[in-house]
Amino acid sequence: MKITFYAHASFRLEADGIAIVTDPFSPEKSGFDPINEPADIVLMSSDTDDFHSDPSHVRGDPVVINTLALPPEGKTVKGVPVRPFPATESLTFDYQTEYGRDPDANALYLFRLGGLDVLHMGDIGTAVPQGHLDALKGKVDLLLALTGDHATIALADLDRAIAEIGPRAVIPMHYFSPRGRLKIEPVESFLARVPAETVTRVAGASVEIDPSQLPPRGATPNIFVLEQSR
């Protein structure tokens, strides 16, 4: 699988003739340049957050999926199974709003592409619920992990989630960029918490991951740090 980091929580994942873009940001609100590349599928953790749900600058004619709106068992989109794990960005869940849910609600989402089970952490701002950890334990190859601390999951809670889920690889996202407009932690704050020998700093925005070269699930994961390209 080829993985390209656009910016914030947005990636491009390519394998099996399918290109998926995750959580596209609003260029105007975020400060990042438009994606301006085609995709087959766009997966979003919600449809209410300008930093995670603006597919207008993804080219082609992609199928756009708000994963929060999927049924609990998930759905297969163009041959890609996608399953949501509902979460919230705040400590308050008010489902009695105009749209039937809290406007801060979002979803972690698990999908399979190129022989890898990928978990995108969405925009969760609290600890991952124990029920989600139990459901995801031993079922994730690649974790796209929120590492900016402020406004998203605390790094101590992220440590616990990684330990319990047991991914084979982790790619940090949603950390400070001088081009972005959020005052969040740099990726170094997360990297200081993990064994240095597990970290690979990729010279660029893209990496190719071969499932056969990753450690087993439950072992200490490989960590790939990509440059934000937008």
C-alpha atoms as a PDB file:
ATOM      1  CA  MET A   1       0.000   0.000   0.000  1.00  0.00           C
ATOM      2  CA  LYS A   2       1.170   3.512  -0.814  1.00  0.00           C
ATOM      3  CA  ILE A   3       0.272   6.122   1.794  1.00  0.00           C
ATOM      4  CA  THR A   4       0.597   9.871   1.277  1.00  0.00           C
ATOM      5  CA  PHE A   5       0.088  12.397   4.055  1.00  0.00           C
ATOM      6  CA  TYR A   6      -1.709  15.492   2.813  1.00  0.00           C
ATOM      7  CA  ALA A   7      -2.123  17.409   6.090  1.00  0.00           C
ATOM      8  CA  HIS A   8      -3.923  17.356   9.440  1.00  0.00           C
ATOM      9  CA  ALA A   9      -5.942  14.078   9.372  1.00  0.00           C
ATOM     10  CA  SER A  10      -6.047  13.684   5.603  1.00  0.00           C
ATOM     11  CA  PHE A  11      -4.214  10.877   3.815  1.00  0.00           C
ATOM     12  CA  ARG A  12      -4.284   9.208   0.434  1.00  0.00           C
ATOM     13  CA  LEU A  13      -4.104   5.398   0.532  1.00  0.00           C
ATOM     14  CA  GLU A  14      -3.611   3.490  -2.721  1.00  0.00           C
ATOM     15  CA  ALA A  15      -3.773  -0.264  -3.305  1.00  0.00           C
ATOM     16  CA  ASP A  16      -5.704  -2.819  -5.343  1.00  0.00           C
ATOM     17  CA  GLY A  17      -6.512  -0.168  -7.961  1.00  0.00           C
ATOM     18  CA  ILE A  18      -8.407   1.927  -5.390  1.00  0.00           C
ATOM     19  CA  ALA A  19      -7.463   5.361  -4.011  1.00  0.00           C
ATOM     20  CA  ILE A  20      -8.992   6.477  -0.704  1.00  0.00           C
ATOM     21  CA  VAL A  21      -8.767   9.970   0.779  1.00  0.00           C
ATOM     22  CA  THR A  22      -9.456  10.362   4.505  1.00  0.00           C
ATOM     23  CA  ASP A  23     -10.883  13.374   6.372  1.00  0.00           C
ATOM     24  CA  PRO A  24     -10.287  16.114   3.784  1.00  0.00           C
ATOM     25  CA  PHE A  25      -9.826  19.559   5.347  1.00  0.00           C
ATOM     26  CA  SER A  26     -11.254  22.876   4.204  1.00  0.00           C
ATOM     27  CA  PRO A  27      -8.348  24.795   2.600  1.00  0.00           C
ATOM     28  CA  GLU A  28      -9.899  28.120   3.550  1.00  0.00           C
ATOM     29  CA  LYS A  29     -10.432  27.228   7.217  1.00  0.00           C
ATOM     30  CA  SER A  30      -7.337  25.093   7.820  1.00  0.00           C
ATOM     31  CA  GLY A  31      -4.647  27.030   5.951  1.00  0.00           C
ATOM     32  CA  PHE A  32      -3.559  23.965   3.955  1.00  0.00           C
ATOM     33  CA  ASP A  33      -3.412  23.809   0.161  1.00  0.00           C
ATOM     34  CA  PRO A  34      -6.167  21.947  -1.733  1.00  0.00           C
ATOM     35  CA  ILE A  35      -5.699  18.255  -2.428  1.00  0.00           C
ATOM     36  CA  ASN A  36      -6.550  18.558  -6.148  1.00  0.00           C
ATOM     37  CA  GLU A  37      -6.019  14.849  -6.845  1.00  0.00           C
ATOM     38  CA  PRO A  38      -8.605  12.244  -7.835  1.00  0.00           C
ATOM     39  CA  ALA A  39      -9.861   9.477  -5.585  1.00  0.00           C
ATOM     40  CA  ASP A  40     -12.335   6.619  -5.752  1.00  0.00           C
ATOM     41  CA  ILE A  41     -13.551   6.919  -2.158  1.00  0.00           C
ATOM     42  CA  VAL A  42     -13.550   9.727   0.422  1.00  0.00           C
ATOM     43  CA  LEU A  43     -14.008   8.628   4.039  1.00  0.00           C
ATOM     44  CA  MET A  44     -14.894  11.269   6.644  1.00  0.00           C
ATOM     45  CA  SER A  45     -15.184  10.979  10.418  1.00  0.00           C
ATOM     46  CA  SER A  46     -18.218  13.300  10.319  1.00  0.00           C
ATOM     47  CA  ASP A  47     -19.842  15.774   7.936  1.00  0.00           C
ATOM     48  CA  THR A  48     -19.879  18.758  10.303  1.00  0.00           C
ATOM     49  CA  ASP A  49     -16.208  19.625  10.894  1.00  0.00           C
ATOM     50  CA  ASP A  50     -14.457  21.958   8.433  1.00  0.00           C
ATOM     51  CA  PHE A  51     -11.091  20.458   9.333  1.00  0.00           C
ATOM     52  CA  HIS A  52     -12.231  16.906   8.542  1.00  0.00           C
ATOM     53  CA  SER A  53     -15.096  16.977   6.052  1.00  0.00           C
ATOM     54  CA  ASP A  54     -14.596  19.071   2.920  1.00  0.00           C
ATOM     55  CA  PRO A  55     -14.372  16.790  -0.145  1.00  0.00           C
ATOM     56  CA  SER A  56     -14.930  19.667  -2.610  1.00  0.00           C
ATOM     57  CA  HIS A  57     -11.259  19.764  -3.662  1.00  0.00           C
ATOM     58  CA  VAL A  58     -10.897  16.004  -4.192  1.00  0.00           C
ATOM     59  CA  ARG A  59     -11.033  15.453  -7.949  1.00  0.00           C
ATOM     60  CA  GLY A  60     -12.726  12.741  -9.983  1.00  0.00           C
ATOM     61  CA  ASP A  61     -16.092  11.384  -8.947  1.00  0.00           C
ATOM     62  CA  PRO A  62     -15.424   9.745  -5.575  1.00  0.00           C
ATOM     63  CA  VAL A  63     -18.013   8.038  -3.413  1.00  0.00           C
ATOM     64  CA  VAL A  64     -18.152  10.246  -0.291  1.00  0.00           C
ATOM     65  CA  ILE A  65     -18.928   8.443   2.966  1.00  0.00           C
ATOM     66  CA  ASN A  66     -19.702  10.039   6.313  1.00  0.00           C
ATOM     67  CA  THR A  67     -18.604   7.072   8.416  1.00  0.00           C
ATOM     68  CA  LEU A  68     -20.523   8.334  11.446  1.00  0.00           C
ATOM     69  CA  ALA A  69     -23.739   7.715   9.485  1.00  0.00           C
ATOM     70  CA  LEU A  70     -22.890   4.086   8.657  1.00  0.00           C
ATOM     71  CA  PRO A  71     -24.682   1.248  10.452  1.00  0.00           C
ATOM     72  CA  PRO A  72     -22.725  -0.308  13.362  1.00  0.00           C
ATOM     73  CA  GLU A  73     -21.787  -3.341  11.276  1.00  0.00           C
ATOM     74  CA  GLY A  74     -20.401  -1.078   8.566  1.00  0.00           C
ATOM     75  CA  LYS A  75     -20.720  -1.138   4.801  1.00  0.00           C
ATOM     76  CA  THR A  76     -18.670  -2.275   1.803  1.00  0.00           C
ATOM     77  CA  VAL A  77     -17.848   0.553  -0.612  1.00  0.00           C
ATOM     78  CA  LYS A  78     -16.316  -0.360  -3.992  1.00  0.00           C
ATOM     79  CA  GLY A  79     -15.054  -3.581  -2.448  1.00  0.00           C
ATOM     80  CA  VAL A  80     -13.640  -1.835   0.646  1.00  0.00           C
ATOM     81  CA  PRO A  81     -15.277  -2.811   3.969  1.00  0.00           C
ATOM     82  CA  VAL A  82     -15.659   0.184   6.314  1.00  0.00           C
ATOM     83  CA  ARG A  83     -16.826  -0.010   9.931  1.00  0.00           C
ATOM     84  CA  PRO A  84     -17.492   2.995  12.216  1.00  0.00           C
ATOM     85  CA  PHE A  85     -16.737   3.401  15.912  1.00  0.00           C
ATOM     86  CA  PRO A  86     -18.698   6.460  17.130  1.00  0.00           C
ATOM     87  CA  ALA A  87     -16.839   8.949  19.326  1.00  0.00           C
ATOM     88  CA  THR A  88     -16.957  12.571  20.393  1.00  0.00           C
ATOM     89  CA  GLU A  89     -14.632  15.550  20.271  1.00  0.00           C
ATOM     90  CA  SER A  90     -15.936  16.916  23.577  1.00  0.00           C
ATOM     91  CA  LEU A  91     -16.903  15.540  26.969  1.00  0.00           C
ATOM     92  CA  THR A  92     -20.596  16.183  26.301  1.00  0.00           C
ATOM     93  CA  PHE A  93     -22.751  13.975  24.145  1.00  0.00           C
ATOM     94  CA  ASP A  94     -26.115  15.645  23.483  1.00  0.00           C
ATOM     95  CA  TYR A  95     -28.133  13.535  21.091  1.00  0.00           C
ATOM     96  CA  GLN A  96     -31.153  15.834  21.369  1.00  0.00           C
ATOM     97  CA  THR A  97     -29.814  18.437  18.971  1.00  0.00           C
ATOM     98  CA  GLU A  98     -31.478  19.462  15.727  1.00  0.00           C
ATOM     99  CA  TYR A  99     -29.647  16.720  13.816  1.00  0.00           C
ATOM    100  CA  GLY A 100     -30.212  14.008  16.385  1.00  0.00           C
ATOM    101  CA  ARG A 101     -26.651  13.995  17.654  1.00  0.00           C
ATOM    102  CA  ASP A 102     -24.030  16.244  19.199  1.00  0.00           C
ATOM    103  CA  PRO A 103     -22.366  18.462  16.560  1.00  0.00           C
ATOM    104  CA  ASP A 104     -18.991  17.354  17.951  1.00  0.00           C
ATOM    105  CA  ALA A 105     -19.789  13.695  17.295  1.00  0.00           C
ATOM    106  CA  ASN A 106     -17.462  11.868  14.918  1.00  0.00           C
ATOM    107  CA  ALA A 107     -16.219   8.354  14.295  1.00  0.00           C
ATOM    108  CA  LEU A 108     -13.064   6.353  14.291  1.00  0.00           C
ATOM    109  CA  TYR A 109     -13.285   4.089  11.253  1.00  0.00           C
ATOM    110  CA  LEU A 110     -11.741   0.770  10.300  1.00  0.00           C
ATOM    111  CA  PHE A 111     -11.292  -0.253   6.656  1.00  0.00           C
ATOM    112  CA  ARG A 112      -9.367  -2.884   4.748  1.00  0.00           C
ATOM    113  CA  LEU A 113      -7.232  -2.106   1.697  1.00  0.00           C
ATOM    114  CA  GLY A 114      -4.160  -3.732   0.203  1.00  0.00           C
ATOM    115  CA  GLY A 115      -4.131  -6.525   2.748  1.00  0.00           C
ATOM    116  CA  LEU A 116      -4.017  -4.076   5.655  1.00  0.00           C
ATOM    117  CA  ASP A 117      -6.682  -3.290   8.234  1.00  0.00           C
ATOM    118  CA  VAL A 118      -6.423   0.471   8.754  1.00  0.00           C
ATOM    119  CA  LEU A 119      -7.911   2.393  11.682  1.00  0.00           C
ATOM    120  CA  HIS A 120      -8.305   6.161  11.304  1.00  0.00           C
ATOM    121  CA  MET A 121      -8.908   7.838  14.669  1.00  0.00           C
ATOM    122  CA  GLY A 122     -11.205  10.525  13.300  1.00  0.00           C
ATOM    123  CA  ASP A 123     -11.277  13.506  15.660  1.00  0.00           C
ATOM    124  CA  ILE A 124     -11.860  11.821  19.012  1.00  0.00           C
ATOM    125  CA  GLY A 125     -11.252  14.196  21.914  1.00  0.00           C
ATOM    126  CA  THR A 126     -11.657  11.758  24.787  1.00  0.00           C
ATOM    127  CA  ALA A 127     -10.237   8.368  25.696  1.00  0.00           C
ATOM    128  CA  VAL A 128     -11.278   5.593  23.328  1.00  0.00           C
ATOM    129  CA  PRO A 129     -14.228   3.810  24.994  1.00  0.00           C
ATOM    130  CA  GLN A 130     -13.362   0.413  26.437  1.00  0.00           C
ATOM    131  CA  GLY A 131     -15.948  -1.258  24.231  1.00  0.00           C
ATOM    132  CA  HIS A 132     -14.182   0.073  21.149  1.00  0.00           C
ATOM    133  CA  LEU A 133     -10.784  -1.040  22.472  1.00  0.00           C
ATOM    134  CA  ASP A 134     -12.128  -4.534  23.070  1.00  0.00           C
ATOM    135  CA  ALA A 135     -13.660  -4.691  19.574  1.00  0.00           C
ATOM    136  CA  LEU A 136     -10.467  -3.437  17.895  1.00  0.00           C
ATOM    137  CA  LYS A 137      -7.931  -5.452  19.891  1.00  0.00           C
ATOM    138  CA  GLY A 138      -5.789  -7.544  17.559  1.00  0.00           C
ATOM    139  CA  LYS A 139      -7.697  -6.391  14.456  1.00  0.00           C
ATOM    140  CA  VAL A 140      -5.630  -3.384  13.311  1.00  0.00           C
ATOM    141  CA  ASP A 141      -2.509  -3.424  11.137  1.00  0.00           C
ATOM    142  CA  LEU A 142      -2.067   0.328  10.657  1.00  0.00           C
ATOM    143  CA  LEU A 143      -3.224   3.045  13.058  1.00  0.00           C
ATOM    144  CA  LEU A 144      -3.512   6.629  11.808  1.00  0.00           C
ATOM    145  CA  ALA A 145      -3.079   8.217  15.228  1.00  0.00           C
ATOM    146  CA  LEU A 146      -4.077  11.636  16.576  1.00  0.00           C
ATOM    147  CA  THR A 147      -0.902  12.995  18.196  1.00  0.00           C
ATOM    148  CA  GLY A 148      -1.522  16.733  18.691  1.00  0.00           C
ATOM    149  CA  ASP A 149      -2.892  16.256  22.249  1.00  0.00           C
ATOM    150  CA  HIS A 150      -4.904  19.490  22.488  1.00  0.00           C
ATOM    151  CA  ALA A 151      -8.540  19.230  21.345  1.00  0.00           C
ATOM    152  CA  THR A 152      -8.041  15.537  20.596  1.00  0.00           C
ATOM    153  CA  ILE A 153      -7.232  12.443  22.638  1.00  0.00           C
ATOM    154  CA  ALA A 154      -4.671  13.043  25.400  1.00  0.00           C
ATOM    155  CA  LEU A 155      -1.315  11.431  24.716  1.00  0.00           C
ATOM    156  CA  ALA A 156      -1.580   9.243  27.844  1.00  0.00           C
ATOM    157  CA  ASP A 157      -4.926   7.939  26.585  1.00  0.00           C
ATOM    158  CA  LEU A 158      -3.407   7.405  23.141  1.00  0.00           C
ATOM    159  CA  ASP A 159      -0.610   5.351  24.729  1.00  0.00           C
ATOM    160  CA  ARG A 160      -3.230   3.110  26.321  1.00  0.00           C
ATOM    161  CA  ALA A 161      -5.197   2.778  23.101  1.00  0.00           C
ATOM    162  CA  ILE A 162      -2.098   1.720  21.169  1.00  0.00           C
ATOM    163  CA  ALA A 163      -1.156  -0.797  23.872  1.00  0.00           C
ATOM    164  CA  GLU A 164      -4.639  -2.329  23.965  1.00  0.00           C
ATOM    165  CA  ILE A 165      -5.391  -2.331  20.229  1.00  0.00           C
ATOM    166  CA  GLY A 166      -1.926  -3.614  19.306  1.00  0.00           C
ATOM    167  CA  PRO A 167      -1.433  -2.231  15.766  1.00  0.00           C
ATOM    168  CA  ARG A 168       1.538  -3.383  13.718  1.00  0.00           C
ATOM    169  CA  ALA A 169       2.345   0.151  12.546  1.00  0.00           C
ATOM    170  CA  VAL A 170       1.434   3.708  13.526  1.00  0.00           C
ATOM    171  CA  ILE A 171       1.490   6.866  11.415  1.00  0.00           C
ATOM    172  CA  PRO A 172       1.090  10.100  13.446  1.00  0.00           C
ATOM    173  CA  MET A 173      -1.347  12.748  12.217  1.00  0.00           C
ATOM    174  CA  HIS A 174      -3.163  15.860  13.460  1.00  0.00           C
ATOM    175  CA  TYR A 175      -0.018  17.430  14.912  1.00  0.00           C
ATOM    176  CA  PHE A 176       1.380  20.944  14.623  1.00  0.00           C
ATOM    177  CA  SER A 177       2.208  22.367  11.223  1.00  0.00           C
ATOM    178  CA  PRO A 178       3.471  25.930  10.716  1.00  0.00           C
ATOM    179  CA  ARG A 179       0.984  26.168   7.850  1.00  0.00           C
ATOM    180  CA  GLY A 180      -1.958  25.102   9.981  1.00  0.00           C
ATOM    181  CA  ARG A 181      -4.074  27.286  12.235  1.00  0.00           C
ATOM    182  CA  LEU A 182      -4.408  25.045  15.282  1.00  0.00           C
ATOM    183  CA  LYS A 183      -2.181  25.397  18.334  1.00  0.00           C
ATOM    184  CA  ILE A 184      -1.517  21.730  18.912  1.00  0.00           C
ATOM    185  CA  GLU A 185       1.542  19.723  19.919  1.00  0.00           C
ATOM    186  CA  PRO A 186       4.352  18.928  17.474  1.00  0.00           C
ATOM    187  CA  VAL A 187       4.877  15.292  16.548  1.00  0.00           C
ATOM    188  CA  GLU A 188       7.967  15.226  18.788  1.00  0.00           C
ATOM    189  CA  SER A 189       5.717  15.223  21.868  1.00  0.00           C
ATOM    190  CA  PHE A 190       4.368  11.834  20.813  1.00  0.00           C
ATOM    191  CA  LEU A 191       7.696  10.479  19.603  1.00  0.00           C
ATOM    192  CA  ALA A 192       9.275  11.203  22.977  1.00  0.00           C
ATOM    193  CA  ARG A 193       6.926   8.572  24.459  1.00  0.00           C
ATOM    194  CA  VAL A 194       7.901   5.680  22.170  1.00  0.00           C
ATOM    195  CA  PRO A 195      11.133   3.664  21.716  1.00  0.00           C
ATOM    196  CA  ALA A 196      13.446   5.573  19.390  1.00  0.00           C
ATOM    197  CA  GLU A 197      14.421   2.405  17.518  1.00  0.00           C
ATOM    198  CA  THR A 198      10.818   1.925  16.338  1.00  0.00           C
ATOM    199  CA  VAL A 199      10.653   5.315  14.608  1.00  0.00           C
ATOM    200  CA  THR A 200      11.315   5.819  10.908  1.00  0.00           C
ATOM    201  CA  ARG A 201      11.317   9.417   9.697  1.00  0.00           C
ATOM    202  CA  VAL A 202      10.375   9.221   6.044  1.00  0.00           C
ATOM    203  CA  ALA A 203      12.071  11.786   3.835  1.00  0.00           C
ATOM    204  CA  GLY A 204       8.887  12.954   2.170  1.00  0.00           C
ATOM    205  CA  ALA A 205       5.142  12.685   2.343  1.00  0.00           C
ATOM    206  CA  SER A 206       4.728   9.111   1.055  1.00  0.00           C
ATOM    207  CA  VAL A 207       5.652   5.629   2.181  1.00  0.00           C
ATOM    208  CA  GLU A 208       4.937   2.152   0.840  1.00  0.00           C
ATOM    209  CA  ILE A 209       4.067  -0.451   3.457  1.00  0.00           C
ATOM    210  CA  ASP A 210       4.366  -4.181   2.820  1.00  0.00           C
ATOM    211  CA  PRO A 211       2.289  -6.164   5.326  1.00  0.00           C
ATOM    212  CA  SER A 212       4.843  -8.980   5.328  1.00  0.00           C
ATOM    213  CA  GLN A 213       7.523  -6.632   6.684  1.00  0.00           C
ATOM    214  CA  LEU A 214       5.589  -5.435   9.728  1.00  0.00           C
ATOM    215  CA  PRO A 215       5.848  -6.908  13.234  1.00  0.00           C
ATOM    216  CA  PRO A 216       2.983  -9.119  14.419  1.00  0.00           C
ATOM    217  CA  ARG A 217      -0.110  -7.618  15.965  1.00  0.00           C
ATOM    218  CA  GLY A 218       0.408  -6.974  19.655  1.00  0.00           C
ATOM    219  CA  ALA A 219       4.177  -6.443  19.311  1.00  0.00           C
ATOM    220  CA  THR A 220       5.787  -3.005  19.576  1.00  0.00           C
ATOM    221  CA  PRO A 221       4.599  -1.241  16.411  1.00  0.00           C
ATOM    222  CA  ASN A 222       6.732   0.406  13.757  1.00  0.00           C
ATOM    223  CA  ILE A 223       6.165   4.169  13.614  1.00  0.00           C
ATOM    224  CA  PHE A 224       6.428   6.027  10.314  1.00  0.00           C
ATOM    225  CA  VAL A 225       6.606   9.828  10.439  1.00  0.00           C
ATOM    226  CA  LEU A 226       5.605  11.469   7.166  1.00  0.00           C
ATOM    227  CA  GLU A 227       5.972  15.079   6.119  1.00  0.00           C
ATOM    228  CA  GLN A 228       2.747  17.000   5.575  1.00  0.00           C
ATOM    229  CA  SER A 229       2.555  17.770   1.855  1.00  0.00           C
ATOM    230  CA  ARG A 230      -0.120  20.459   1.807  1.00  0.00           C
END
